[in-house]
Amino acid sequence: MHGFALINKAPGLTSHDVVAQARKLFGTKKVGHAGTLDPMATGVLVLGIGSATRLLQYVTDGTKKYEATIRLGQSTHTDDREGEVLATMDASNLSDTEIKSALKNFVGKIKQKPSSVSAIKIDGKRAHQRVRDGEVVDIPARDVEVMEIEVQAINKTGEFTDVQVAITCSVGTYIRAIARDLGEALNVGGHLTTLNRTLVSPFDISECTDLTSVKLISVAAGISRILPVRTIDLSEANEISFGRAIEASNKSGAVVALDQAGEFVALLLDKEQSGRTVATPTLVAVKE
């Protein structure tokens, strides 16, 4: 079994829970995922099965889209609804204009401080595990890009104001950090109450199912939606099988090499060798 599985993750499951279920379903330990979703979150979770696990890094790098609900008026230690409440303030008087104006400051290339309970590894240990173990975790701010924040609805719920948003962003962006920082900017606190990932480019939530209904996308079909494709002949495939370079692809970055039958052979990278540019193979498919 080799390929990509597009899962619509249900609430209450960790990404690792889904991976564990997939290992049983497909009968292999070689299962990984592209981009962690918290147990509270739902939506697109791309799994790599078998040899596709080696290509998940290219999926992870894709643009992400989320639909989320930010509750203004309350902060929590996890920046989401599952955390311990730190403070509550009346946010019912916030105007739509104030909220939308504040959100504009989070669009573009920004510095963002991830939540202390994120899945980021610090010296080999997840930040959220360090917090559970009683450690104080302070993760430095990092560069991320938010391409768009669309306000879909603003609703008053008692002393709280709930803001429904659709966010398009780069890899490494934390939506609950936006919720936290929006609350701080408006001086009322904020946290995330719902989160649904609708896109891990180019894989859309409309393509996703639960594990019981999933159909694998072949390695070739999946990676060809992400990277440029080059069809090679038999002699070139033989050269690649021995780890030898072939004629340059004349492309920047990785190129997918497919054989005449449309099967994945390798990724190719153009490099300078002995004064000329050639395509060197990497992540060569292993025949099993």
C-alpha atoms as a PDB file:
ATOM      1  CA  MET A   1       0.000   0.000   0.000  1.00  0.00           C
ATOM      2  CA  HIS A   2       1.532   3.288  -1.139  1.00  0.00           C
ATOM      3  CA  GLY A   3      -0.139   6.650  -1.637  1.00  0.00           C
ATOM      4  CA  PHE A   4      -1.905   9.575  -0.010  1.00  0.00           C
ATOM      5  CA  ALA A   5      -5.084   9.391   2.071  1.00  0.00           C
ATOM      6  CA  LEU A   6      -7.225  12.526   2.434  1.00  0.00           C
ATOM      7  CA  ILE A   7      -8.953  12.451   5.808  1.00  0.00           C
ATOM      8  CA  ASN A   8     -11.608  14.765   7.244  1.00  0.00           C
ATOM      9  CA  LYS A   9     -10.498  14.522  10.861  1.00  0.00           C
ATOM     10  CA  ALA A  10     -13.257  14.268  13.433  1.00  0.00           C
ATOM     11  CA  PRO A  11     -13.155  16.260  16.699  1.00  0.00           C
ATOM     12  CA  GLY A  12     -11.671  14.574  19.761  1.00  0.00           C
ATOM     13  CA  LEU A  13      -8.938  12.720  17.882  1.00  0.00           C
ATOM     14  CA  THR A  14      -5.278  13.663  17.815  1.00  0.00           C
ATOM     15  CA  SER A  15      -3.438  13.485  14.507  1.00  0.00           C
ATOM     16  CA  HIS A  16      -1.471  10.591  16.003  1.00  0.00           C
ATOM     17  CA  ASP A  17      -4.758   8.777  16.764  1.00  0.00           C
ATOM     18  CA  VAL A  18      -5.642   8.958  13.055  1.00  0.00           C
ATOM     19  CA  VAL A  19      -2.180   7.709  12.084  1.00  0.00           C
ATOM     20  CA  ALA A  20      -2.508   4.774  14.506  1.00  0.00           C
ATOM     21  CA  GLN A  21      -5.890   3.839  13.004  1.00  0.00           C
ATOM     22  CA  ALA A  22      -4.456   4.081   9.484  1.00  0.00           C
ATOM     23  CA  ARG A  23      -1.567   1.779  10.404  1.00  0.00           C
ATOM     24  CA  LYS A  24      -4.050  -0.893  11.412  1.00  0.00           C
ATOM     25  CA  LEU A  25      -6.250  -0.316   8.365  1.00  0.00           C
ATOM     26  CA  PHE A  26      -3.423  -0.457   5.812  1.00  0.00           C
ATOM     27  CA  GLY A  27      -1.322  -3.022   7.659  1.00  0.00           C
ATOM     28  CA  THR A  28       1.873  -0.961   7.720  1.00  0.00           C
ATOM     29  CA  LYS A  29       3.833   1.111  10.220  1.00  0.00           C
ATOM     30  CA  LYS A  30       4.862   3.479   7.425  1.00  0.00           C
ATOM     31  CA  VAL A  31       2.159   6.103   7.915  1.00  0.00           C
ATOM     32  CA  GLY A  32       2.697   9.811   8.561  1.00  0.00           C
ATOM     33  CA  HIS A  33       0.709  13.028   8.343  1.00  0.00           C
ATOM     34  CA  ALA A  34       1.246  16.495   6.897  1.00  0.00           C
ATOM     35  CA  GLY A  35       0.519  19.110   9.549  1.00  0.00           C
ATOM     36  CA  THR A  36      -0.787  18.452  13.054  1.00  0.00           C
ATOM     37  CA  LEU A  37      -4.392  19.204  13.975  1.00  0.00           C
ATOM     38  CA  ASP A  38      -5.300  19.614  17.651  1.00  0.00           C
ATOM     39  CA  PRO A  39      -7.967  17.258  19.071  1.00  0.00           C
ATOM     40  CA  MET A  40     -10.474  20.135  19.051  1.00  0.00           C
ATOM     41  CA  ALA A  41      -9.832  20.866  15.372  1.00  0.00           C
ATOM     42  CA  THR A  42     -11.465  19.179  12.391  1.00  0.00           C
ATOM     43  CA  GLY A  43     -10.829  19.048   8.682  1.00  0.00           C
ATOM     44  CA  VAL A  44      -8.134  18.202   6.167  1.00  0.00           C
ATOM     45  CA  LEU A  45      -5.450  15.808   7.372  1.00  0.00           C
ATOM     46  CA  VAL A  46      -3.261  14.403   4.608  1.00  0.00           C
ATOM     47  CA  LEU A  47      -1.734  11.000   5.359  1.00  0.00           C
ATOM     48  CA  GLY A  48       1.190   9.446   3.539  1.00  0.00           C
ATOM     49  CA  ILE A  49       1.114   5.659   3.323  1.00  0.00           C
ATOM     50  CA  GLY A  50       4.202   3.561   2.541  1.00  0.00           C
ATOM     51  CA  SER A  51       6.642   5.311   0.226  1.00  0.00           C
ATOM     52  CA  ALA A  52       4.460   8.444   0.162  1.00  0.00           C
ATOM     53  CA  THR A  53       5.625   9.250   3.709  1.00  0.00           C
ATOM     54  CA  ARG A  54       8.903  10.482   2.212  1.00  0.00           C
ATOM     55  CA  LEU A  55       7.041  13.117   0.203  1.00  0.00           C
ATOM     56  CA  LEU A  56       4.917  14.576   2.992  1.00  0.00           C
ATOM     57  CA  GLN A  57       7.314  17.506   3.449  1.00  0.00           C
ATOM     58  CA  TYR A  58       6.113  18.873   0.096  1.00  0.00           C
ATOM     59  CA  VAL A  59       2.484  18.626   1.214  1.00  0.00           C
ATOM     60  CA  THR A  60       3.220  20.317   4.549  1.00  0.00           C
ATOM     61  CA  ASP A  61       4.710  23.341   2.782  1.00  0.00           C
ATOM     62  CA  GLY A  62       1.445  24.133   0.971  1.00  0.00           C
ATOM     63  CA  THR A  63      -0.916  27.038   1.675  1.00  0.00           C
ATOM     64  CA  LYS A  64      -3.525  26.349   4.362  1.00  0.00           C
ATOM     65  CA  LYS A  65      -7.107  27.576   4.758  1.00  0.00           C
ATOM     66  CA  TYR A  66      -9.138  27.492   7.957  1.00  0.00           C
ATOM     67  CA  GLU A  67     -12.600  28.413   9.159  1.00  0.00           C
ATOM     68  CA  ALA A  68     -12.568  29.411  12.803  1.00  0.00           C
ATOM     69  CA  THR A  69     -14.556  31.041  15.584  1.00  0.00           C
ATOM     70  CA  ILE A  70     -12.744  33.492  17.867  1.00  0.00           C
ATOM     71  CA  ARG A  71     -14.377  34.276  21.199  1.00  0.00           C
ATOM     72  CA  LEU A  72     -13.509  37.755  22.412  1.00  0.00           C
ATOM     73  CA  GLY A  73     -13.851  38.444  26.135  1.00  0.00           C
ATOM     74  CA  GLN A  74     -12.001  35.480  27.574  1.00  0.00           C
ATOM     75  CA  SER A  75      -8.407  34.192  27.510  1.00  0.00           C
ATOM     76  CA  THR A  76      -7.241  30.658  28.273  1.00  0.00           C
ATOM     77  CA  HIS A  77      -3.829  29.129  28.926  1.00  0.00           C
ATOM     78  CA  THR A  78      -4.018  27.104  25.682  1.00  0.00           C
ATOM     79  CA  ASP A  79      -5.541  29.926  23.596  1.00  0.00           C
ATOM     80  CA  ASP A  80      -8.485  27.625  22.805  1.00  0.00           C
ATOM     81  CA  ARG A  81     -11.667  26.460  24.497  1.00  0.00           C
ATOM     82  CA  GLU A  82     -10.016  23.396  26.057  1.00  0.00           C
ATOM     83  CA  GLY A  83      -7.697  25.454  28.240  1.00  0.00           C
ATOM     84  CA  GLU A  84      -7.995  26.818  31.752  1.00  0.00           C
ATOM     85  CA  VAL A  85      -9.659  30.226  31.829  1.00  0.00           C
ATOM     86  CA  LEU A  86      -7.164  32.949  32.741  1.00  0.00           C
ATOM     87  CA  ALA A  87      -9.359  36.055  32.574  1.00  0.00           C
ATOM     88  CA  THR A  88     -12.837  37.173  31.526  1.00  0.00           C
ATOM     89  CA  MET A  89     -13.861  40.659  30.432  1.00  0.00           C
ATOM     90  CA  ASP A  90     -16.980  42.185  28.939  1.00  0.00           C
ATOM     91  CA  ALA A  91     -16.521  42.325  25.144  1.00  0.00           C
ATOM     92  CA  SER A  92     -20.150  42.961  24.249  1.00  0.00           C
ATOM     93  CA  ASN A  93     -19.541  46.626  23.453  1.00  0.00           C
ATOM     94  CA  LEU A  94     -16.980  45.987  20.736  1.00  0.00           C
ATOM     95  CA  SER A  95     -18.132  47.293  17.378  1.00  0.00           C
ATOM     96  CA  ASP A  96     -17.806  45.376  14.122  1.00  0.00           C
ATOM     97  CA  THR A  97     -15.611  48.173  12.803  1.00  0.00           C
ATOM     98  CA  GLU A  98     -13.181  47.882  15.743  1.00  0.00           C
ATOM     99  CA  ILE A  99     -12.875  44.118  15.283  1.00  0.00           C
ATOM    100  CA  LYS A 100     -12.381  44.255  11.524  1.00  0.00           C
ATOM    101  CA  SER A 101      -9.851  47.057  11.839  1.00  0.00           C
ATOM    102  CA  ALA A 102      -7.831  45.096  14.414  1.00  0.00           C
ATOM    103  CA  LEU A 103      -7.873  41.963  12.260  1.00  0.00           C
ATOM    104  CA  LYS A 104      -6.266  43.861   9.373  1.00  0.00           C
ATOM    105  CA  ASN A 105      -3.070  44.052  11.445  1.00  0.00           C
ATOM    106  CA  PHE A 106      -2.707  40.269  11.197  1.00  0.00           C
ATOM    107  CA  VAL A 107      -2.732  40.175   7.384  1.00  0.00           C
ATOM    108  CA  GLY A 108       0.600  40.065   5.566  1.00  0.00           C
ATOM    109  CA  LYS A 109       4.033  38.922   6.661  1.00  0.00           C
ATOM    110  CA  ILE A 110       3.946  39.085  10.430  1.00  0.00           C
ATOM    111  CA  LYS A 111       5.840  37.947  13.514  1.00  0.00           C
ATOM    112  CA  GLN A 112       3.775  35.440  15.464  1.00  0.00           C
ATOM    113  CA  LYS A 113       4.453  33.881  18.852  1.00  0.00           C
ATOM    114  CA  PRO A 114       3.164  30.278  18.861  1.00  0.00           C
ATOM    115  CA  SER A 115       1.099  29.021  21.770  1.00  0.00           C
ATOM    116  CA  SER A 116       3.118  27.397  24.546  1.00  0.00           C
ATOM    117  CA  VAL A 117       1.022  24.238  24.079  1.00  0.00           C
ATOM    118  CA  SER A 118       1.788  23.885  20.377  1.00  0.00           C
ATOM    119  CA  ALA A 119       3.311  20.790  18.787  1.00  0.00           C
ATOM    120  CA  ILE A 120       6.615  22.586  18.192  1.00  0.00           C
ATOM    121  CA  LYS A 121       9.581  20.565  19.403  1.00  0.00           C
ATOM    122  CA  ILE A 122      12.004  22.136  21.878  1.00  0.00           C
ATOM    123  CA  ASP A 123      15.170  20.069  22.289  1.00  0.00           C
ATOM    124  CA  GLY A 124      13.330  17.051  20.919  1.00  0.00           C
ATOM    125  CA  LYS A 125      10.259  17.368  23.147  1.00  0.00           C
ATOM    126  CA  ARG A 126       6.870  18.802  22.162  1.00  0.00           C
ATOM    127  CA  ALA A 127       6.069  22.148  23.766  1.00  0.00           C
ATOM    128  CA  HIS A 128       2.644  20.931  24.944  1.00  0.00           C
ATOM    129  CA  GLN A 129       4.287  17.976  26.723  1.00  0.00           C
ATOM    130  CA  ARG A 130       6.696  20.309  28.498  1.00  0.00           C
ATOM    131  CA  VAL A 131       3.746  22.396  29.709  1.00  0.00           C
ATOM    132  CA  ARG A 132       1.961  19.266  30.965  1.00  0.00           C
ATOM    133  CA  ASP A 133       5.150  18.308  32.796  1.00  0.00           C
ATOM    134  CA  GLY A 134       5.051  21.608  34.653  1.00  0.00           C
ATOM    135  CA  GLU A 135       7.714  23.466  32.678  1.00  0.00           C
ATOM    136  CA  VAL A 136       7.459  27.107  31.703  1.00  0.00           C
ATOM    137  CA  VAL A 137       7.658  27.336  27.908  1.00  0.00           C
ATOM    138  CA  ASP A 138       8.436  30.507  25.982  1.00  0.00           C
ATOM    139  CA  ILE A 139       8.626  30.040  22.211  1.00  0.00           C
ATOM    140  CA  PRO A 140      10.209  32.912  20.258  1.00  0.00           C
ATOM    141  CA  ALA A 141       8.109  34.724  17.658  1.00  0.00           C
ATOM    142  CA  ARG A 142       8.570  33.519  14.103  1.00  0.00           C
ATOM    143  CA  ASP A 143       7.856  34.789  10.602  1.00  0.00           C
ATOM    144  CA  VAL A 144       4.557  33.662   9.053  1.00  0.00           C
ATOM    145  CA  GLU A 145       2.328  34.994   6.306  1.00  0.00           C
ATOM    146  CA  VAL A 146      -1.423  35.497   6.448  1.00  0.00           C
ATOM    147  CA  MET A 147      -2.741  36.102   2.950  1.00  0.00           C
ATOM    148  CA  GLU A 148      -6.365  36.793   3.856  1.00  0.00           C
ATOM    149  CA  ILE A 149      -8.741  37.052   6.808  1.00  0.00           C
ATOM    150  CA  GLU A 150     -12.395  37.168   5.795  1.00  0.00           C
ATOM    151  CA  VAL A 151     -14.906  38.019   8.504  1.00  0.00           C
ATOM    152  CA  GLN A 152     -17.952  35.820   7.923  1.00  0.00           C
ATOM    153  CA  ALA A 153     -20.048  36.786  10.938  1.00  0.00           C
ATOM    154  CA  ILE A 154     -19.886  38.665  14.251  1.00  0.00           C
ATOM    155  CA  ASN A 155     -22.317  37.578  16.961  1.00  0.00           C
ATOM    156  CA  LYS A 156     -22.937  38.734  20.527  1.00  0.00           C
ATOM    157  CA  THR A 157     -23.218  35.965  23.135  1.00  0.00           C
ATOM    158  CA  GLY A 158     -23.881  37.577  26.503  1.00  0.00           C
ATOM    159  CA  GLU A 159     -20.719  39.438  27.483  1.00  0.00           C
ATOM    160  CA  PHE A 160     -18.738  37.708  24.727  1.00  0.00           C
ATOM    161  CA  THR A 161     -18.379  38.531  21.038  1.00  0.00           C
ATOM    162  CA  ASP A 162     -17.863  35.590  18.666  1.00  0.00           C
ATOM    163  CA  VAL A 163     -16.105  36.288  15.379  1.00  0.00           C
ATOM    164  CA  GLN A 164     -16.331  33.739  12.562  1.00  0.00           C
ATOM    165  CA  VAL A 165     -13.429  34.044  10.132  1.00  0.00           C
ATOM    166  CA  ALA A 166     -11.945  32.299   7.099  1.00  0.00           C
ATOM    167  CA  ILE A 167      -8.144  32.509   7.068  1.00  0.00           C
ATOM    168  CA  THR A 168      -5.660  31.731   4.296  1.00  0.00           C
ATOM    169  CA  CYS A 169      -2.097  31.422   5.537  1.00  0.00           C
ATOM    170  CA  SER A 170       1.354  29.924   5.187  1.00  0.00           C
ATOM    171  CA  VAL A 171       2.723  26.839   6.875  1.00  0.00           C
ATOM    172  CA  GLY A 172       3.596  27.489  10.509  1.00  0.00           C
ATOM    173  CA  THR A 173       0.732  29.909  11.191  1.00  0.00           C
ATOM    174  CA  TYR A 174      -1.222  29.275  14.392  1.00  0.00           C
ATOM    175  CA  ILE A 175      -4.862  30.312  14.210  1.00  0.00           C
ATOM    176  CA  ARG A 176      -5.302  30.236  17.980  1.00  0.00           C
ATOM    177  CA  ALA A 177      -2.372  32.648  18.238  1.00  0.00           C
ATOM    178  CA  ILE A 178      -4.354  35.041  16.023  1.00  0.00           C
ATOM    179  CA  ALA A 179      -7.322  34.599  18.386  1.00  0.00           C
ATOM    180  CA  ARG A 180      -5.108  35.321  21.413  1.00  0.00           C
ATOM    181  CA  ASP A 181      -3.414  38.323  19.809  1.00  0.00           C
ATOM    182  CA  LEU A 182      -6.696  39.789  18.546  1.00  0.00           C
ATOM    183  CA  GLY A 183      -8.076  39.630  22.079  1.00  0.00           C
ATOM    184  CA  GLU A 184      -4.965  41.334  23.427  1.00  0.00           C
ATOM    185  CA  ALA A 185      -5.116  44.044  20.759  1.00  0.00           C
ATOM    186  CA  LEU A 186      -8.722  44.807  21.766  1.00  0.00           C
ATOM    187  CA  ASN A 187      -7.892  44.583  25.508  1.00  0.00           C
ATOM    188  CA  VAL A 188     -10.537  41.941  26.218  1.00  0.00           C
ATOM    189  CA  GLY A 189      -8.682  38.645  25.740  1.00  0.00           C
ATOM    190  CA  GLY A 190      -9.551  36.025  23.171  1.00  0.00           C
ATOM    191  CA  HIS A 191      -9.399  32.346  22.390  1.00  0.00           C
ATOM    192  CA  LEU A 192     -10.443  29.885  19.705  1.00  0.00           C
ATOM    193  CA  THR A 193     -13.698  27.950  20.077  1.00  0.00           C
ATOM    194  CA  THR A 194     -13.860  26.152  16.704  1.00  0.00           C
ATOM    195  CA  LEU A 195     -11.291  25.351  14.025  1.00  0.00           C
ATOM    196  CA  ASN A 196     -11.845  23.569  10.726  1.00  0.00           C
ATOM    197  CA  ARG A 197      -9.019  23.206   8.187  1.00  0.00           C
ATOM    198  CA  THR A 198     -10.517  23.350   4.709  1.00  0.00           C
ATOM    199  CA  LEU A 199      -7.387  23.256   2.555  1.00  0.00           C
ATOM    200  CA  VAL A 200      -3.868  21.842   2.645  1.00  0.00           C
ATOM    201  CA  SER A 201      -2.972  22.995  -0.833  1.00  0.00           C
ATOM    202  CA  PRO A 202      -3.763  21.487  -3.240  1.00  0.00           C
ATOM    203  CA  PHE A 203      -5.996  19.114  -1.257  1.00  0.00           C
ATOM    204  CA  ASP A 204      -9.459  20.479  -0.457  1.00  0.00           C
ATOM    205  CA  ILE A 205     -11.854  19.319   2.236  1.00  0.00           C
ATOM    206  CA  SER A 206     -14.364  18.351  -0.465  1.00  0.00           C
ATOM    207  CA  GLU A 207     -12.019  15.465  -1.352  1.00  0.00           C
ATOM    208  CA  CYS A 208     -11.732  14.171   2.211  1.00  0.00           C
ATOM    209  CA  THR A 209     -13.550  11.295   3.913  1.00  0.00           C
ATOM    210  CA  ASP A 210     -13.245   9.349   7.124  1.00  0.00           C
ATOM    211  CA  LEU A 211     -10.847   6.393   7.256  1.00  0.00           C
ATOM    212  CA  THR A 212     -13.563   3.812   6.682  1.00  0.00           C
ATOM    213  CA  SER A 213     -14.380   5.315   3.268  1.00  0.00           C
ATOM    214  CA  VAL A 214     -10.939   6.494   2.180  1.00  0.00           C
ATOM    215  CA  LYS A 215      -9.460   5.638  -1.220  1.00  0.00           C
ATOM    216  CA  LEU A 216      -5.730   6.065  -1.697  1.00  0.00           C
ATOM    217  CA  ILE A 217      -4.406   8.561  -4.228  1.00  0.00           C
ATOM    218  CA  SER A 218      -1.349   7.051  -5.912  1.00  0.00           C
ATOM    219  CA  VAL A 219       2.081   8.458  -5.114  1.00  0.00           C
ATOM    220  CA  ALA A 220       2.411   9.721  -8.695  1.00  0.00           C
ATOM    221  CA  ALA A 221      -1.033  11.334  -8.795  1.00  0.00           C
ATOM    222  CA  GLY A 222      -0.608  12.995  -5.415  1.00  0.00           C
ATOM    223  CA  ILE A 223       2.866  14.476  -5.804  1.00  0.00           C
ATOM    224  CA  SER A 224       2.130  15.526  -9.397  1.00  0.00           C
ATOM    225  CA  ARG A 225      -0.492  17.937  -8.063  1.00  0.00           C
ATOM    226  CA  ILE A 226       2.181  19.689  -6.025  1.00  0.00           C
ATOM    227  CA  LEU A 227       5.367  19.710  -8.114  1.00  0.00           C
ATOM    228  CA  PRO A 228       6.122  20.048 -11.848  1.00  0.00           C
ATOM    229  CA  VAL A 229       6.191  16.762 -13.751  1.00  0.00           C
ATOM    230  CA  ARG A 230       8.688  15.338 -16.228  1.00  0.00           C
ATOM    231  CA  THR A 231       8.062  12.093 -18.113  1.00  0.00           C
ATOM    232  CA  ILE A 232      11.280  10.139 -18.660  1.00  0.00           C
ATOM    233  CA  ASP A 233      12.160   7.323 -21.057  1.00  0.00           C
ATOM    234  CA  LEU A 234      13.446   3.844 -20.193  1.00  0.00           C
ATOM    235  CA  SER A 235      17.131   4.724 -20.529  1.00  0.00           C
ATOM    236  CA  GLU A 236      16.721   7.720 -18.209  1.00  0.00           C
ATOM    237  CA  ALA A 237      14.832   5.564 -15.711  1.00  0.00           C
ATOM    238  CA  ASN A 238      17.702   3.076 -15.744  1.00  0.00           C
ATOM    239  CA  GLU A 239      20.243   5.827 -15.109  1.00  0.00           C
ATOM    240  CA  ILE A 240      18.169   7.105 -12.182  1.00  0.00           C
ATOM    241  CA  SER A 241      17.904   3.586 -10.718  1.00  0.00           C
ATOM    242  CA  PHE A 242      21.697   3.581 -10.406  1.00  0.00           C
ATOM    243  CA  GLY A 243      21.684   7.038  -8.852  1.00  0.00           C
ATOM    244  CA  ARG A 244      23.128   8.708 -11.926  1.00  0.00           C
ATOM    245  CA  ALA A 245      22.202  12.147 -13.248  1.00  0.00           C
ATOM    246  CA  ILE A 246      20.300  12.712 -16.485  1.00  0.00           C
ATOM    247  CA  GLU A 247      19.724  15.704 -18.753  1.00  0.00           C
ATOM    248  CA  ALA A 248      18.694  18.835 -16.859  1.00  0.00           C
ATOM    249  CA  SER A 249      15.012  19.572 -16.300  1.00  0.00           C
ATOM    250  CA  ASN A 250      15.665  23.327 -16.506  1.00  0.00           C
ATOM    251  CA  LYS A 251      13.387  23.939 -13.555  1.00  0.00           C
ATOM    252  CA  SER A 252      14.047  25.492 -10.165  1.00  0.00           C
ATOM    253  CA  GLY A 253      13.306  23.202  -7.248  1.00  0.00           C
ATOM    254  CA  ALA A 254      12.172  19.600  -7.259  1.00  0.00           C
ATOM    255  CA  VAL A 255      10.638  17.964 -10.343  1.00  0.00           C
ATOM    256  CA  VAL A 256       8.604  14.740 -10.342  1.00  0.00           C
ATOM    257  CA  ALA A 257      10.001  12.101 -12.698  1.00  0.00           C
ATOM    258  CA  LEU A 258       7.359   9.692 -14.022  1.00  0.00           C
ATOM    259  CA  ASP A 259       8.035   6.728 -16.273  1.00  0.00           C
ATOM    260  CA  GLN A 260       6.164   5.974 -19.504  1.00  0.00           C
ATOM    261  CA  ALA A 261       3.458   4.172 -17.506  1.00  0.00           C
ATOM    262  CA  GLY A 262       2.920   7.220 -15.301  1.00  0.00           C
ATOM    263  CA  GLU A 263       4.536   5.656 -12.219  1.00  0.00           C
ATOM    264  CA  PHE A 264       6.628   7.682  -9.786  1.00  0.00           C
ATOM    265  CA  VAL A 265      10.373   7.144 -10.304  1.00  0.00           C
ATOM    266  CA  ALA A 266      12.094   9.882  -8.318  1.00  0.00           C
ATOM    267  CA  LEU A 267      12.350  13.547  -7.569  1.00  0.00           C
ATOM    268  CA  LEU A 268      14.922  15.403  -9.659  1.00  0.00           C
ATOM    269  CA  LEU A 269      16.962  18.467  -8.736  1.00  0.00           C
ATOM    270  CA  ASP A 270      19.022  20.433 -11.254  1.00  0.00           C
ATOM    271  CA  LYS A 271      22.610  20.852 -10.078  1.00  0.00           C
ATOM    272  CA  GLU A 272      25.951  21.885 -11.480  1.00  0.00           C
ATOM    273  CA  GLN A 273      28.295  18.957 -12.113  1.00  0.00           C
ATOM    274  CA  SER A 274      31.637  19.229 -13.929  1.00  0.00           C
ATOM    275  CA  GLY A 275      30.714  22.578 -15.430  1.00  0.00           C
ATOM    276  CA  ARG A 276      27.238  21.661 -16.707  1.00  0.00           C
ATOM    277  CA  THR A 277      23.735  21.472 -15.324  1.00  0.00           C
ATOM    278  CA  VAL A 278      22.227  18.031 -14.871  1.00  0.00           C
ATOM    279  CA  ALA A 279      19.170  16.582 -13.123  1.00  0.00           C
ATOM    280  CA  THR A 280      20.226  14.575 -10.093  1.00  0.00           C
ATOM    281  CA  PRO A 281      17.839  12.010  -8.560  1.00  0.00           C
ATOM    282  CA  THR A 282      16.647  12.144  -4.971  1.00  0.00           C
ATOM    283  CA  LEU A 283      13.958  10.160  -3.162  1.00  0.00           C
ATOM    284  CA  VAL A 284      14.188   7.375  -5.745  1.00  0.00           C
ATOM    285  CA  ALA A 285      11.242   4.948  -5.705  1.00  0.00           C
ATOM    286  CA  VAL A 286      12.117   1.553  -4.296  1.00  0.00           C
ATOM    287  CA  LYS A 287      10.592  -1.426  -6.081  1.00  0.00           C
ATOM    288  CA  GLU A 288       8.965  -3.776  -3.576  1.00  0.00           C
END
